Full PDB file with SEQRES, HELIX, SHEET, SSBOND, CRYST1, ORIGX, SCALE, CONECT and MASTER records, all heavy atoms in Angstrom:
SEQRES   1 A   42  ALA SER TYR SER MET PRO PRO VAL ILE VAL TYR THR GLY          
SEQRES   2 A   42  ARG GLN LEU SER ALA GLU ASP GLU GLN GLN LEU ARG ARG          
SEQRES   3 A   42  HIS SER LYS SER ILE ILE ILE LYS GLY ALA ARG SER PRO          
SEQRES   4 A   42  GLU ARG LEU                                                  
HELIX    1 AA1 ALA A   18  ARG A   25  1                                   8    
CRYST1    1.000    1.000    1.000  90.00  90.00  90.00 P 1           1          
ORIGX1      1.000000  0.000000  0.000000        0.00000                         
ORIGX2      0.000000  1.000000  0.000000        0.00000                         
ORIGX3      0.000000  0.000000  1.000000        0.00000                         
SCALE1      1.000000  0.000000  0.000000        0.00000                         
SCALE2      0.000000  1.000000  0.000000        0.00000                         
SCALE3      0.000000  0.000000  1.000000        0.00000                         
ATOM      1  N   ALA A   1     175.984  93.232  93.195  1.00  0.00           N  
ATOM      2  CA  ALA A   1     176.058  92.823  94.588  1.00  0.00           C  
ATOM      3  C   ALA A   1     177.506  92.894  95.211  1.00  0.00           C  
ATOM      4  O   ALA A   1     177.684  92.783  96.432  1.00  0.00           O  
ATOM      5  CB  ALA A   1     175.468  91.378  94.773  1.00  0.00           C  
ATOM      6  N   SER A   2     178.443  93.008  94.260  1.00  0.00           N  
ATOM      7  CA  SER A   2     179.822  93.027  94.796  1.00  0.00           C  
ATOM      8  C   SER A   2     180.191  94.330  95.443  1.00  0.00           C  
ATOM      9  O   SER A   2     181.147  94.386  96.247  1.00  0.00           O  
ATOM     10  CB  SER A   2     180.795  92.766  93.664  1.00  0.00           C  
ATOM     11  OG  SER A   2     180.711  93.846  92.603  1.00  0.00           O  
ATOM     12  N   TYR A   3     179.414  95.348  95.180  1.00  0.00           N  
ATOM     13  CA  TYR A   3     179.589  96.637  95.904  1.00  0.00           C  
ATOM     14  C   TYR A   3     178.900  96.653  97.217  1.00  0.00           C  
ATOM     15  O   TYR A   3     177.747  96.270  97.250  1.00  0.00           O  
ATOM     16  CB  TYR A   3     179.101  97.781  95.098  1.00  0.00           C  
ATOM     17  CG  TYR A   3     179.756  97.934  93.749  1.00  0.00           C  
ATOM     18  CD1 TYR A   3     179.068  98.029  92.548  1.00  0.00           C  
ATOM     19  CD2 TYR A   3     181.128  98.017  93.611  1.00  0.00           C  
ATOM     20  CE1 TYR A   3     179.575  98.092  91.308  1.00  0.00           C  
ATOM     21  CE2 TYR A   3     181.771  98.168  92.340  1.00  0.00           C  
ATOM     22  CZ  TYR A   3     181.028  98.157  91.211  1.00  0.00           C  
ATOM     23  OH  TYR A   3     181.593  98.329  89.929  1.00  0.00           O  
ATOM     24  N   SER A   4     179.544  97.069  98.251  1.00  0.00           N  
ATOM     25  CA  SER A   4     178.865  97.317  99.541  1.00  0.00           C  
ATOM     26  C   SER A   4     177.865  98.456  99.407  1.00  0.00           C  
ATOM     27  O   SER A   4     178.099  99.367  98.506  1.00  0.00           O  
ATOM     28  CB  SER A   4     179.854  97.530 100.690  1.00  0.00           C  
ATOM     29  OG  SER A   4     180.450  98.768 100.499  1.00  0.00           O  
ATOM     30  N   MET A   5     176.816  98.501 100.190  1.00  0.00           N  
ATOM     31  CA  MET A   5     175.827  99.588 100.140  1.00  0.00           C  
ATOM     32  C   MET A   5     175.875 100.286 101.501  1.00  0.00           C  
ATOM     33  O   MET A   5     174.889 100.017 102.319  1.00  0.00           O  
ATOM     34  CB  MET A   5     174.527  99.050  99.690  1.00  0.00           C  
ATOM     35  CG  MET A   5     173.470 100.219  99.587  1.00  0.00           C  
ATOM     36  SD  MET A   5     173.856 101.455  98.276  1.00  0.00           S  
ATOM     37  CE  MET A   5     173.349 100.590  96.764  1.00  0.00           C  
ATOM     38  N   PRO A   6     176.799 101.129 101.782  1.00  0.00           N  
ATOM     39  CA  PRO A   6     176.794 101.790 103.074  1.00  0.00           C  
ATOM     40  C   PRO A   6     175.819 102.954 103.088  1.00  0.00           C  
ATOM     41  O   PRO A   6     175.315 103.260 102.012  1.00  0.00           O  
ATOM     42  CB  PRO A   6     178.276 102.272 103.156  1.00  0.00           C  
ATOM     43  CG  PRO A   6     178.644 102.470 101.775  1.00  0.00           C  
ATOM     44  CD  PRO A   6     177.938 101.445 100.929  1.00  0.00           C  
ATOM     45  N   PRO A   7     175.631 103.567 104.231  1.00  0.00           N  
ATOM     46  CA  PRO A   7     174.786 104.781 104.216  1.00  0.00           C  
ATOM     47  C   PRO A   7     175.496 105.843 103.298  1.00  0.00           C  
ATOM     48  O   PRO A   7     176.689 105.988 103.293  1.00  0.00           O  
ATOM     49  CB  PRO A   7     174.827 105.286 105.707  1.00  0.00           C  
ATOM     50  CG  PRO A   7     175.089 104.003 106.460  1.00  0.00           C  
ATOM     51  CD  PRO A   7     176.043 103.205 105.595  1.00  0.00           C  
ATOM     52  N   VAL A   8     174.616 106.556 102.571  1.00  0.00           N  
ATOM     53  CA  VAL A   8     175.053 107.551 101.546  1.00  0.00           C  
ATOM     54  C   VAL A   8     174.493 108.880 101.964  1.00  0.00           C  
ATOM     55  O   VAL A   8     173.291 108.966 102.142  1.00  0.00           O  
ATOM     56  CB  VAL A   8     174.684 107.145 100.167  1.00  0.00           C  
ATOM     57  CG1 VAL A   8     175.053 108.391  99.180  1.00  0.00           C  
ATOM     58  CG2 VAL A   8     175.313 105.848  99.709  1.00  0.00           C  
ATOM     59  N   ILE A   9     175.385 109.884 102.170  1.00  0.00           N  
ATOM     60  CA  ILE A   9     174.978 111.218 102.527  1.00  0.00           C  
ATOM     61  C   ILE A   9     175.162 112.099 101.334  1.00  0.00           C  
ATOM     62  O   ILE A   9     176.327 112.218 100.814  1.00  0.00           O  
ATOM     63  CB  ILE A   9     175.799 111.800 103.714  1.00  0.00           C  
ATOM     64  CG1 ILE A   9     175.493 110.956 104.938  1.00  0.00           C  
ATOM     65  CG2 ILE A   9     175.336 113.283 103.998  1.00  0.00           C  
ATOM     66  CD1 ILE A   9     176.428 111.296 106.173  1.00  0.00           C  
ATOM     67  N   VAL A  10     174.059 112.689 100.778  1.00  0.00           N  
ATOM     68  CA  VAL A  10     174.187 113.560  99.654  1.00  0.00           C  
ATOM     69  C   VAL A  10     174.550 114.946 100.151  1.00  0.00           C  
ATOM     70  O   VAL A  10     173.788 115.650 100.966  1.00  0.00           O  
ATOM     71  CB  VAL A  10     172.933 113.575  98.896  1.00  0.00           C  
ATOM     72  CG1 VAL A  10     172.976 114.687  97.730  1.00  0.00           C  
ATOM     73  CG2 VAL A  10     172.607 112.213  98.242  1.00  0.00           C  
ATOM     74  N   TYR A  11     175.672 115.410  99.780  1.00  0.00           N  
ATOM     75  CA  TYR A  11     176.127 116.778 100.306  1.00  0.00           C  
ATOM     76  C   TYR A  11     176.226 117.711  99.042  1.00  0.00           C  
ATOM     77  O   TYR A  11     177.027 117.609  98.182  1.00  0.00           O  
ATOM     78  CB  TYR A  11     177.555 116.580 100.850  1.00  0.00           C  
ATOM     79  CG  TYR A  11     178.131 117.876 101.568  1.00  0.00           C  
ATOM     80  CD1 TYR A  11     177.556 118.351 102.704  1.00  0.00           C  
ATOM     81  CD2 TYR A  11     179.040 118.643 100.955  1.00  0.00           C  
ATOM     82  CE1 TYR A  11     178.050 119.485 103.320  1.00  0.00           C  
ATOM     83  CE2 TYR A  11     179.561 119.763 101.467  1.00  0.00           C  
ATOM     84  CZ  TYR A  11     179.086 120.180 102.720  1.00  0.00           C  
ATOM     85  OH  TYR A  11     179.573 121.376 103.307  1.00  0.00           O  
ATOM     86  N   THR A  12     175.174 118.543  98.993  1.00  0.00           N  
ATOM     87  CA  THR A  12     175.049 119.318  97.849  1.00  0.00           C  
ATOM     88  C   THR A  12     174.743 120.708  98.164  1.00  0.00           C  
ATOM     89  O   THR A  12     174.116 121.001  99.219  1.00  0.00           O  
ATOM     90  CB  THR A  12     174.019 118.788  96.881  1.00  0.00           C  
ATOM     91  OG1 THR A  12     173.772 119.550  95.746  1.00  0.00           O  
ATOM     92  CG2 THR A  12     172.620 118.546  97.579  1.00  0.00           C  
ATOM     93  N   GLY A  13     174.959 121.758  97.293  1.00  0.00           N  
ATOM     94  CA  GLY A  13     174.725 123.128  97.555  1.00  0.00           C  
ATOM     95  C   GLY A  13     173.335 123.398  97.162  1.00  0.00           C  
ATOM     96  O   GLY A  13     172.886 124.585  97.386  1.00  0.00           O  
ATOM     97  N   ARG A  14     172.616 122.505  96.541  1.00  0.00           N  
ATOM     98  CA  ARG A  14     171.319 122.913  96.056  1.00  0.00           C  
ATOM     99  C   ARG A  14     170.201 121.993  96.839  1.00  0.00           C  
ATOM    100  O   ARG A  14     170.527 120.975  97.349  1.00  0.00           O  
ATOM    101  CB  ARG A  14     171.037 122.697  94.611  1.00  0.00           C  
ATOM    102  CG  ARG A  14     171.147 121.265  94.167  1.00  0.00           C  
ATOM    103  CD  ARG A  14     171.020 121.216  92.623  1.00  0.00           C  
ATOM    104  NE  ARG A  14     171.261 119.843  92.101  1.00  0.00           N  
ATOM    105  CZ  ARG A  14     170.259 118.956  91.936  1.00  0.00           C  
ATOM    106  NH1 ARG A  14     168.970 119.221  92.456  1.00  0.00           N  
ATOM    107  NH2 ARG A  14     170.479 117.740  91.438  1.00  0.00           N  
ATOM    108  N   GLN A  15     168.988 122.556  96.982  1.00  0.00           N  
ATOM    109  CA  GLN A  15     167.915 121.838  97.625  1.00  0.00           C  
ATOM    110  C   GLN A  15     167.480 120.655  96.858  1.00  0.00           C  
ATOM    111  O   GLN A  15     167.321 120.752  95.640  1.00  0.00           O  
ATOM    112  CB  GLN A  15     166.698 122.737  97.817  1.00  0.00           C  
ATOM    113  CG  GLN A  15     165.605 122.166  98.566  1.00  0.00           C  
ATOM    114  CD  GLN A  15     165.891 121.931 100.135  1.00  0.00           C  
ATOM    115  OE1 GLN A  15     166.581 122.747 100.738  1.00  0.00           O  
ATOM    116  NE2 GLN A  15     165.485 120.817 100.570  1.00  0.00           N  
ATOM    117  N   LEU A  16     167.490 119.532  97.372  1.00  0.00           N  
ATOM    118  CA  LEU A  16     166.919 118.296  96.750  1.00  0.00           C  
ATOM    119  C   LEU A  16     165.487 118.440  96.515  1.00  0.00           C  
ATOM    120  O   LEU A  16     164.689 118.653  97.429  1.00  0.00           O  
ATOM    121  CB  LEU A  16     167.292 117.046  97.493  1.00  0.00           C  
ATOM    122  CG  LEU A  16     168.776 116.745  97.638  1.00  0.00           C  
ATOM    123  CD1 LEU A  16     168.902 115.494  98.609  1.00  0.00           C  
ATOM    124  CD2 LEU A  16     169.317 116.347  96.283  1.00  0.00           C  
ATOM    125  N   SER A  17     164.966 118.194  95.216  1.00  0.00           N  
ATOM    126  CA  SER A  17     163.533 118.209  94.980  1.00  0.00           C  
ATOM    127  C   SER A  17     162.936 116.853  95.416  1.00  0.00           C  
ATOM    128  O   SER A  17     163.687 115.863  95.659  1.00  0.00           O  
ATOM    129  CB  SER A  17     163.342 118.389  93.468  1.00  0.00           C  
ATOM    130  OG  SER A  17     163.805 117.213  92.744  1.00  0.00           O  
ATOM    131  N   ALA A  18     161.605 116.827  95.405  1.00  0.00           N  
ATOM    132  CA  ALA A  18     160.925 115.553  95.818  1.00  0.00           C  
ATOM    133  C   ALA A  18     161.303 114.528  94.767  1.00  0.00           C  
ATOM    134  O   ALA A  18     161.455 113.289  95.046  1.00  0.00           O  
ATOM    135  CB  ALA A  18     159.465 115.809  95.886  1.00  0.00           C  
ATOM    136  N   GLU A  19     161.332 114.915  93.470  1.00  0.00           N  
ATOM    137  CA  GLU A  19     161.674 113.930  92.378  1.00  0.00           C  
ATOM    138  C   GLU A  19     163.117 113.360  92.631  1.00  0.00           C  
ATOM    139  O   GLU A  19     163.411 112.160  92.420  1.00  0.00           O  
ATOM    140  CB  GLU A  19     161.654 114.596  91.088  1.00  0.00           C  
ATOM    141  CG  GLU A  19     161.927 113.665  89.871  1.00  0.00           C  
ATOM    142  CD  GLU A  19     161.660 114.386  88.499  1.00  0.00           C  
ATOM    143  OE1 GLU A  19     161.309 115.606  88.463  1.00  0.00           O  
ATOM    144  OE2 GLU A  19     161.976 113.706  87.486  1.00  0.00           O  
ATOM    145  N   ASP A  20     164.080 114.274  92.979  1.00  0.00           N  
ATOM    146  CA  ASP A  20     165.442 113.843  93.319  1.00  0.00           C  
ATOM    147  C   ASP A  20     165.518 112.834  94.386  1.00  0.00           C  
ATOM    148  O   ASP A  20     166.174 111.687  94.228  1.00  0.00           O  
ATOM    149  CB  ASP A  20     166.387 115.013  93.681  1.00  0.00           C  
ATOM    150  CG  ASP A  20     166.753 115.837  92.547  1.00  0.00           C  
ATOM    151  OD1 ASP A  20     166.889 115.382  91.461  1.00  0.00           O  
ATOM    152  OD2 ASP A  20     167.016 117.107  92.898  1.00  0.00           O  
ATOM    153  N   GLU A  21     164.772 113.129  95.507  1.00  0.00           N  
ATOM    154  CA  GLU A  21     164.808 112.141  96.672  1.00  0.00           C  
ATOM    155  C   GLU A  21     164.191 110.830  96.189  1.00  0.00           C  
ATOM    156  O   GLU A  21     164.682 109.793  96.554  1.00  0.00           O  
ATOM    157  CB  GLU A  21     164.009 112.751  97.823  1.00  0.00           C  
ATOM    158  CG  GLU A  21     164.907 113.957  98.403  1.00  0.00           C  
ATOM    159  CD  GLU A  21     164.508 114.153  99.851  1.00  0.00           C  
ATOM    160  OE1 GLU A  21     164.007 113.135 100.498  1.00  0.00           O  
ATOM    161  OE2 GLU A  21     164.821 115.284 100.349  1.00  0.00           O  
ATOM    162  N   GLN A  22     163.054 110.910  95.523  1.00  0.00           N  
ATOM    163  CA  GLN A  22     162.461 109.574  95.060  1.00  0.00           C  
ATOM    164  C   GLN A  22     163.345 108.780  94.229  1.00  0.00           C  
ATOM    165  O   GLN A  22     163.369 107.556  94.391  1.00  0.00           O  
ATOM    166  CB  GLN A  22     161.076 109.886  94.393  1.00  0.00           C  
ATOM    167  CG  GLN A  22     160.256 108.661  94.020  1.00  0.00           C  
ATOM    168  CD  GLN A  22     158.898 109.048  93.373  1.00  0.00           C  
ATOM    169  OE1 GLN A  22     158.683 110.210  93.068  1.00  0.00           O  
ATOM    170  NE2 GLN A  22     157.981 108.142  93.258  1.00  0.00           N  
ATOM    171  N   GLN A  23     163.953 109.472  93.267  1.00  0.00           N  
ATOM    172  CA  GLN A  23     164.863 108.658  92.454  1.00  0.00           C  
ATOM    173  C   GLN A  23     166.027 108.042  93.202  1.00  0.00           C  
ATOM    174  O   GLN A  23     166.423 106.909  92.855  1.00  0.00           O  
ATOM    175  CB  GLN A  23     165.372 109.608  91.311  1.00  0.00           C  
ATOM    176  CG  GLN A  23     166.191 108.857  90.209  1.00  0.00           C  
ATOM    177  CD  GLN A  23     166.578 109.802  89.109  1.00  0.00           C  
ATOM    178  OE1 GLN A  23     166.149 111.009  89.103  1.00  0.00           O  
ATOM    179  NE2 GLN A  23     167.351 109.298  88.150  1.00  0.00           N  
ATOM    180  N   LEU A  24     166.555 108.826  94.167  1.00  0.00           N  
ATOM    181  CA  LEU A  24     167.583 108.354  94.876  1.00  0.00           C  
ATOM    182  C   LEU A  24     167.222 107.112  95.859  1.00  0.00           C  
ATOM    183  O   LEU A  24     167.993 106.170  96.005  1.00  0.00           O  
ATOM    184  CB  LEU A  24     168.239 109.453  95.753  1.00  0.00           C  
ATOM    185  CG  LEU A  24     169.044 110.504  94.981  1.00  0.00           C  
ATOM    186  CD1 LEU A  24     169.277 111.679  95.806  1.00  0.00           C  
ATOM    187  CD2 LEU A  24     170.408 109.957  94.478  1.00  0.00           C  
ATOM    188  N   ARG A  25     166.065 107.260  96.420  1.00  0.00           N  
ATOM    189  CA  ARG A  25     165.702 106.243  97.449  1.00  0.00           C  
ATOM    190  C   ARG A  25     165.239 104.946  96.732  1.00  0.00           C  
ATOM    191  O   ARG A  25     165.106 103.944  97.495  1.00  0.00           O  
ATOM    192  CB  ARG A  25     164.522 106.856  98.247  1.00  0.00           C  
ATOM    193  CG  ARG A  25     164.846 107.947  99.179  1.00  0.00           C  
ATOM    194  CD  ARG A  25     163.633 108.304 100.052  1.00  0.00           C  
ATOM    195  NE  ARG A  25     163.879 109.515 100.782  1.00  0.00           N  
ATOM    196  CZ  ARG A  25     164.639 109.738 101.883  1.00  0.00           C  
ATOM    197  NH1 ARG A  25     165.305 108.685 102.266  1.00  0.00           N  
ATOM    198  NH2 ARG A  25     164.785 110.936 102.345  1.00  0.00           N  
ATOM    199  N   ARG A  26     164.881 104.910  95.476  1.00  0.00           N  
ATOM    200  CA  ARG A  26     164.333 103.665  94.943  1.00  0.00           C  
ATOM    201  C   ARG A  26     165.270 102.640  94.891  1.00  0.00           C  
ATOM    202  O   ARG A  26     164.933 101.363  94.632  1.00  0.00           O  
ATOM    203  CB  ARG A  26     163.633 103.964  93.634  1.00  0.00           C  
ATOM    204  CG  ARG A  26     164.664 104.141  92.498  1.00  0.00           C  
ATOM    205  CD  ARG A  26     163.838 104.056  91.132  1.00  0.00           C  
ATOM    206  NE  ARG A  26     164.752 104.068  89.963  1.00  0.00           N  
ATOM    207  CZ  ARG A  26     164.975 105.108  89.215  1.00  0.00           C  
ATOM    208  NH1 ARG A  26     164.346 106.223  89.420  1.00  0.00           N  
ATOM    209  NH2 ARG A  26     165.780 104.983  88.175  1.00  0.00           N  
ATOM    210  N   HIS A  27     166.518 102.770  94.954  1.00  0.00           N  
ATOM    211  CA  HIS A  27     167.529 101.827  94.751  1.00  0.00           C  
ATOM    212  C   HIS A  27     167.747 100.990  95.963  1.00  0.00           C  
ATOM    213  O   HIS A  27     167.920  99.829  95.916  1.00  0.00           O  
ATOM    214  CB  HIS A  27     168.904 102.438  94.303  1.00  0.00           C  
ATOM    215  CG  HIS A  27     168.819 103.215  93.072  1.00  0.00           C  
ATOM    216  ND1 HIS A  27     168.433 102.694  91.903  1.00  0.00           N  
ATOM    217  CD2 HIS A  27     169.005 104.603  92.835  1.00  0.00           C  
ATOM    218  CE1 HIS A  27     168.357 103.627  90.975  1.00  0.00           C  
ATOM    219  NE2 HIS A  27     168.692 104.756  91.550  1.00  0.00           N  
ATOM    220  N   SER A  28     167.724 101.605  97.185  1.00  0.00           N  
ATOM    221  CA  SER A  28     168.055 100.779  98.392  1.00  0.00           C  
ATOM    222  C   SER A  28     167.605 101.673  99.581  1.00  0.00           C  
ATOM    223  O   SER A  28     167.867 102.918  99.656  1.00  0.00           O  
ATOM    224  CB  SER A  28     169.475 100.508  98.568  1.00  0.00           C  
ATOM    225  OG  SER A  28     169.787 100.007  99.757  1.00  0.00           O  
ATOM    226  N   LYS A  29     167.012 101.032 100.588  1.00  0.00           N  
ATOM    227  CA  LYS A  29     166.628 101.730 101.786  1.00  0.00           C  
ATOM    228  C   LYS A  29     167.835 102.017 102.681  1.00  0.00           C  
ATOM    229  O   LYS A  29     167.744 102.636 103.817  1.00  0.00           O  
ATOM    230  CB  LYS A  29     165.572 100.959 102.574  1.00  0.00           C  
ATOM    231  CG  LYS A  29     164.191 101.117 101.921  1.00  0.00           C  
ATOM    232  CD  LYS A  29     163.065 100.458 102.783  1.00  0.00           C  
ATOM    233  CE  LYS A  29     161.754 100.631 102.130  1.00  0.00           C  
ATOM    234  NZ  LYS A  29     160.696 100.094 102.919  1.00  0.00           N  
ATOM    235  N   SER A  30     169.079 101.447 102.211  1.00  0.00           N  
ATOM    236  CA  SER A  30     170.268 101.787 102.976  1.00  0.00           C  
ATOM    237  C   SER A  30     170.823 103.152 102.589  1.00  0.00           C  
ATOM    238  O   SER A  30     171.770 103.645 103.168  1.00  0.00           O  
ATOM    239  CB  SER A  30     171.276 100.703 102.659  1.00  0.00           C  
ATOM    240  OG  SER A  30     170.917  99.514 103.165  1.00  0.00           O  
ATOM    241  N   ILE A  31     170.177 103.766 101.634  1.00  0.00           N  
ATOM    242  CA  ILE A  31     170.673 105.146 101.156  1.00  0.00           C  
ATOM    243  C   ILE A  31     170.025 106.210 102.213  1.00  0.00           C  
ATOM    244  O   ILE A  31     168.814 106.224 102.310  1.00  0.00           O  
ATOM    245  CB  ILE A  31     170.291 105.430  99.764  1.00  0.00           C  
ATOM    246  CG1 ILE A  31     170.935 104.427  98.793  1.00  0.00           C  
ATOM    247  CG2 ILE A  31     170.561 106.835  99.327  1.00  0.00           C  
ATOM    248  CD1 ILE A  31     170.393 104.510  97.374  1.00  0.00           C  
ATOM    249  N   ILE A  32     170.886 106.989 102.748  1.00  0.00           N  
ATOM    250  CA  ILE A  32     170.444 107.989 103.638  1.00  0.00           C  
ATOM    251  C   ILE A  32     170.579 109.317 102.895  1.00  0.00           C  
ATOM    252  O   ILE A  32     171.742 109.791 102.586  1.00  0.00           O  
ATOM    253  CB  ILE A  32     171.219 108.025 104.965  1.00  0.00           C  
ATOM    254  CG1 ILE A  32     171.290 106.595 105.504  1.00  0.00           C  
ATOM    255  CG2 ILE A  32     170.582 109.001 105.904  1.00  0.00           C  
ATOM    256  CD1 ILE A  32     169.868 106.086 105.914  1.00  0.00           C  
ATOM    257  N   ILE A  33     169.409 110.023 102.688  1.00  0.00           N  
ATOM    258  CA  ILE A  33     169.574 111.305 101.896  1.00  0.00           C  
ATOM    259  C   ILE A  33     169.382 112.437 102.939  1.00  0.00           C  
ATOM    260  O   ILE A  33     168.335 112.625 103.515  1.00  0.00           O  
ATOM    261  CB  ILE A  33     168.440 111.326 100.816  1.00  0.00           C  
ATOM    262  CG1 ILE A  33     168.728 110.216  99.847  1.00  0.00           C  
ATOM    263  CG2 ILE A  33     168.566 112.640 100.123  1.00  0.00           C  
ATOM    264  CD1 ILE A  33     167.555 110.011  98.987  1.00  0.00           C  
ATOM    265  N   LYS A  34     170.435 113.095 103.108  1.00  0.00           N  
ATOM    266  CA  LYS A  34     170.405 114.160 104.068  1.00  0.00           C  
ATOM    267  C   LYS A  34     170.472 115.554 103.449  1.00  0.00           C  
ATOM    268  O   LYS A  34     169.885 116.480 104.098  1.00  0.00           O  
ATOM    269  CB  LYS A  34     171.655 114.099 105.011  1.00  0.00           C  
ATOM    270  CG  LYS A  34     171.497 112.891 105.965  1.00  0.00           C  
ATOM    271  CD  LYS A  34     170.361 113.046 107.020  1.00  0.00           C  
ATOM    272  CE  LYS A  34     170.691 112.379 108.258  1.00  0.00           C  
ATOM    273  NZ  LYS A  34     169.823 112.779 109.366  1.00  0.00           N  
ATOM    274  N   GLY A  35     171.000 115.759 102.348  1.00  0.00           N  
ATOM    275  CA  GLY A  35     171.036 117.079 101.690  1.00  0.00           C  
ATOM    276  C   GLY A  35     171.813 118.066 102.606  1.00  0.00           C  
ATOM    277  O   GLY A  35     171.381 119.240 102.789  1.00  0.00           O  
ATOM    278  N   ALA A  36     172.828 117.635 103.230  1.00  0.00           N  
ATOM    279  CA  ALA A  36     173.610 118.497 104.122  1.00  0.00           C  
ATOM    280  C   ALA A  36     174.166 119.700 103.410  1.00  0.00           C  
ATOM    281  O   ALA A  36     174.626 119.588 102.293  1.00  0.00           O  
ATOM    282  CB  ALA A  36     174.773 117.740 104.725  1.00  0.00           C  
ATOM    283  N   ARG A  37     174.046 120.855 104.042  1.00  0.00           N  
ATOM    284  CA  ARG A  37     174.499 122.142 103.362  1.00  0.00           C  
ATOM    285  C   ARG A  37     175.304 122.986 104.232  1.00  0.00           C  
ATOM    286  O   ARG A  37     175.546 124.149 104.003  1.00  0.00           O  
ATOM    287  CB  ARG A  37     173.213 122.944 102.924  1.00  0.00           C  
ATOM    288  CG  ARG A  37     172.421 122.327 101.808  1.00  0.00           C  
ATOM    289  CD  ARG A  37     171.278 123.106 101.429  1.00  0.00           C  
ATOM    290  NE  ARG A  37     170.296 123.151 102.469  1.00  0.00           N  
ATOM    291  CZ  ARG A  37     169.424 122.102 102.741  1.00  0.00           C  
ATOM    292  NH1 ARG A  37     169.453 121.088 102.085  1.00  0.00           N  
ATOM    293  NH2 ARG A  37     168.568 122.297 103.796  1.00  0.00           N  
ATOM    294  N   SER A  38     175.915 122.355 105.319  1.00  0.00           N  
ATOM    295  CA  SER A  38     176.894 123.181 106.163  1.00  0.00           C  
ATOM    296  C   SER A  38     177.869 122.112 106.601  1.00  0.00           C  
ATOM    297  O   SER A  38     177.588 121.027 106.847  1.00  0.00           O  
ATOM    298  CB  SER A  38     176.038 123.796 107.196  1.00  0.00           C  
ATOM    299  OG  SER A  38     175.736 122.903 108.220  1.00  0.00           O  
ATOM    300  N   PRO A  39     179.040 122.658 106.929  1.00  0.00           N  
ATOM    301  CA  PRO A  39     180.044 121.815 107.591  1.00  0.00           C  
ATOM    302  C   PRO A  39     179.591 121.186 108.748  1.00  0.00           C  
ATOM    303  O   PRO A  39     179.969 119.888 108.996  1.00  0.00           O  
ATOM    304  CB  PRO A  39     181.263 122.752 107.752  1.00  0.00           C  
ATOM    305  CG  PRO A  39     181.051 123.807 106.708  1.00  0.00           C  
ATOM    306  CD  PRO A  39     179.603 123.912 106.636  1.00  0.00           C  
ATOM    307  N   GLU A  40     179.069 121.795 109.698  1.00  0.00           N  
ATOM    308  CA  GLU A  40     178.594 121.244 111.047  1.00  0.00           C  
ATOM    309  C   GLU A  40     177.624 120.148 110.831  1.00  0.00           C  
ATOM    310  O   GLU A  40     177.702 119.110 111.504  1.00  0.00           O  
ATOM    311  CB  GLU A  40     178.030 122.427 111.927  1.00  0.00           C  
ATOM    312  CG  GLU A  40     178.854 123.608 112.219  1.00  0.00           C  
ATOM    313  CD  GLU A  40     178.425 124.836 111.330  1.00  0.00           C  
ATOM    314  OE1 GLU A  40     178.111 124.652 110.095  1.00  0.00           O  
ATOM    315  OE2 GLU A  40     178.393 125.820 111.919  1.00  0.00           O  
ATOM    316  N   ARG A  41     176.612 120.361 109.844  1.00  0.00           N  
ATOM    317  CA  ARG A  41     175.603 119.330 109.717  1.00  0.00           C  
ATOM    318  C   ARG A  41     176.282 118.041 109.064  1.00  0.00           C  
ATOM    319  O   ARG A  41     175.979 116.929 109.442  1.00  0.00           O  
ATOM    320  CB  ARG A  41     174.549 119.857 108.741  1.00  0.00           C  
ATOM    321  CG  ARG A  41     173.461 120.701 109.390  1.00  0.00           C  
ATOM    322  CD  ARG A  41     172.225 120.806 108.571  1.00  0.00           C  
ATOM    323  NE  ARG A  41     171.699 119.480 108.310  1.00  0.00           N  
ATOM    324  CZ  ARG A  41     170.840 119.137 107.312  1.00  0.00           C  
ATOM    325  NH1 ARG A  41     170.665 120.026 106.420  1.00  0.00           N  
ATOM    326  NH2 ARG A  41     170.310 117.934 107.231  1.00  0.00           N  
ATOM    327  N   LEU A  42     177.273 118.271 108.101  1.00  0.00           N  
ATOM    328  CA  LEU A  42     177.951 117.157 107.522  1.00  0.00           C  
ATOM    329  C   LEU A  42     178.667 116.376 108.577  1.00  0.00           C  
ATOM    330  O   LEU A  42     178.646 115.111 108.665  1.00  0.00           O  
ATOM    331  CB  LEU A  42     178.854 117.558 106.420  1.00  0.00           C  
ATOM    332  CG  LEU A  42     179.574 116.510 105.713  1.00  0.00           C  
ATOM    333  CD1 LEU A  42     178.703 115.473 105.070  1.00  0.00           C  
ATOM    334  CD2 LEU A  42     180.606 117.014 104.677  1.00  0.00           C  
TER     335      LEU A  42                                                      
MASTER        0    0    0    1    0    0    0    6  334    1    0    4          
END                                                                             
C-alpha cells in the first residue's frame, strides 16, 4: 500500500495477448492497458 497506483500505460512493440491483459488487469482497476505502439498514440 505504500506504493501509489497511478494509471499504467504498457508501451510495447508486441501485441498484448488476452492472457497478458487478464494477468495485468487482475491487480488493480487503476491499471490502464493501452498497448501503445506509436509515438503519437503514446
